[in-house]
Protein backbone atom coordinates (compact mmCIF):
# COMPACT_ATOMS: atom_id res chain seq x y z
CA MET A 1 80.61 77.14 154.65
CA ALA A 2 79.42 74.35 152.32
CA SER A 3 79.27 71.86 155.18
CA LEU A 4 77.36 74.40 157.27
CA ARG A 5 74.82 74.76 154.48
CA GLU A 6 74.48 70.99 154.22
CA MET A 7 73.97 70.71 157.96
CA VAL A 8 71.39 73.50 158.00
CA TYR A 9 69.54 71.99 155.06
CA TYR A 10 69.50 68.60 156.79
CA VAL A 11 68.14 70.09 160.03
CA TRP A 12 65.61 72.17 158.08
CA THR A 13 64.26 69.10 156.27
CA LEU A 14 63.83 67.17 159.53
CA ASP A 15 61.53 69.74 161.10
CA ASP A 16 58.98 71.53 158.88
CA GLU A 17 58.10 73.96 161.66
CA ILE A 18 61.62 75.18 162.47
CA THR A 19 62.10 78.91 161.99
CA PRO A 20 65.36 80.64 161.02
CA GLU A 21 65.49 82.16 164.51
CA ARG A 22 65.11 78.80 166.24
CA LEU A 23 67.73 77.26 163.98
CA ILE A 24 70.19 80.00 164.96
CA GLU A 25 69.37 79.49 168.64
CA GLU A 26 69.99 75.75 168.36
CA LEU A 27 73.28 76.02 166.46
CA GLU A 28 74.79 79.08 168.15
CA PRO A 29 76.10 77.20 171.22
CA VAL A 30 77.86 74.71 168.96
CA VAL A 31 79.21 77.06 166.29
CA GLY A 32 79.40 80.37 168.13
CA GLN A 33 77.88 83.79 167.60
CA GLU A 34 79.50 84.23 164.19
CA ILE A 35 76.82 81.90 162.84
CA GLU A 36 74.03 84.48 162.96
CA HIS A 37 74.76 86.34 159.71
CA PRO A 38 75.57 83.29 157.53
CA MET A 39 72.65 81.41 159.06
CA ARG A 40 70.20 84.15 158.18
CA THR A 41 71.42 84.00 154.59
CA VAL A 42 71.13 80.21 154.45
CA ALA A 43 67.74 80.31 156.17
CA GLN A 44 66.49 82.90 153.69
CA GLN A 45 67.64 80.73 150.78
CA LEU A 46 65.91 77.68 152.22
CA GLU A 47 62.76 79.69 152.87
CA GLN A 48 62.77 80.86 149.24
CA ARG A 49 63.21 77.27 148.03
CA GLY A 50 60.21 76.28 150.10
CA PHE A 51 58.19 79.14 148.63
CA ASP A 52 59.27 78.21 145.09
CA LYS A 53 58.38 74.56 145.68
CA GLY A 54 54.96 75.53 147.03
CA HIS A 55 54.42 77.89 144.08
CA GLU A 56 55.21 75.12 141.59
CA HIS A 57 52.91 72.72 143.42
CA GLY A 58 50.08 75.24 143.26
CA LEU A 59 50.67 75.81 139.55
CA ARG A 60 50.59 72.04 138.94
CA VAL A 61 47.33 71.59 140.81
CA LEU A 62 45.72 74.51 139.00
CA LEU A 63 46.97 73.41 135.56
CA VAL A 64 45.74 69.84 136.02
CA SER A 65 42.35 71.13 137.17
CA LEU A 66 42.04 73.45 134.18
CA LEU A 67 43.16 70.78 131.72
CA GLU A 68 40.76 68.19 133.12
CA ALA A 69 37.89 70.68 133.12
CA ARG A 70 38.56 71.52 129.49
CA PHE A 71 39.70 68.19 128.01
CA GLY A 72 38.59 65.48 130.46
CA PRO A 73 40.84 62.93 132.17
CA LEU A 74 44.51 63.40 131.33
CA PRO A 75 46.67 60.70 129.76
CA ASP A 76 49.40 59.42 132.07
CA ALA A 77 52.11 60.85 129.79
CA ILE A 78 50.69 64.38 130.07
CA ARG A 79 50.24 64.05 133.83
CA ALA A 80 53.87 62.90 134.17
CA ARG A 81 55.08 65.78 132.01
CA VAL A 82 53.23 68.26 134.22
CA GLU A 83 54.76 66.68 137.34
CA ARG A 84 58.31 67.12 135.97
CA ALA A 85 57.82 70.66 134.65
CA ASP A 86 59.31 73.83 136.10
CA ALA A 87 57.26 76.90 137.02
CA SER A 88 57.94 78.65 133.72
CA SER A 89 56.56 75.75 131.66
CA LEU A 90 53.56 75.36 133.95
CA GLU A 91 52.70 79.04 133.57
CA ALA A 92 53.10 78.93 129.78
CA TRP A 93 50.91 75.83 129.47
CA GLY A 94 48.32 77.41 131.75
CA MET A 95 48.03 80.41 129.45
CA GLN A 96 47.58 78.12 126.44
CA VAL A 97 44.59 76.39 128.03
CA LEU A 98 42.50 79.44 127.14
CA SER A 99 42.98 79.10 123.38
CA ALA A 100 43.86 75.42 122.87
CA THR A 101 41.42 73.11 121.16
CA SER A 102 43.29 69.95 122.19
CA LEU A 103 46.03 68.76 124.49
CA ASP A 104 48.31 68.56 121.45
CA ASP A 105 47.95 72.32 121.01
CA ILE A 106 49.49 72.74 124.46
CA PHE A 107 51.98 69.89 124.69
CA ALA A 108 53.10 69.35 121.09
CA THR A 109 56.88 69.14 121.03
CA PRO A 110 58.32 72.05 119.01
């Protein structure tokens, strides 16, 4: 099953417009009909990853816009930190923009 997941992920990354249904149609002749259930599960996981990645990207864009509107151009170190952050950190920092008086208020290391 791990190799199947790797193969599906590889195919998925090659074609941004491939749907789970089309992926099943393409692989079924090679693997057989037993692929449908596992493929739906793998396709759903990949779809969720895509959603999560898009969500994080949106949070990054919004956070950078808010920070620049409030504090002006961002230092490279802050911009890099935002680019590496997970969704949870991005959301927390976004909420702090409302009350922060400086970038240090938001990004000071605890």
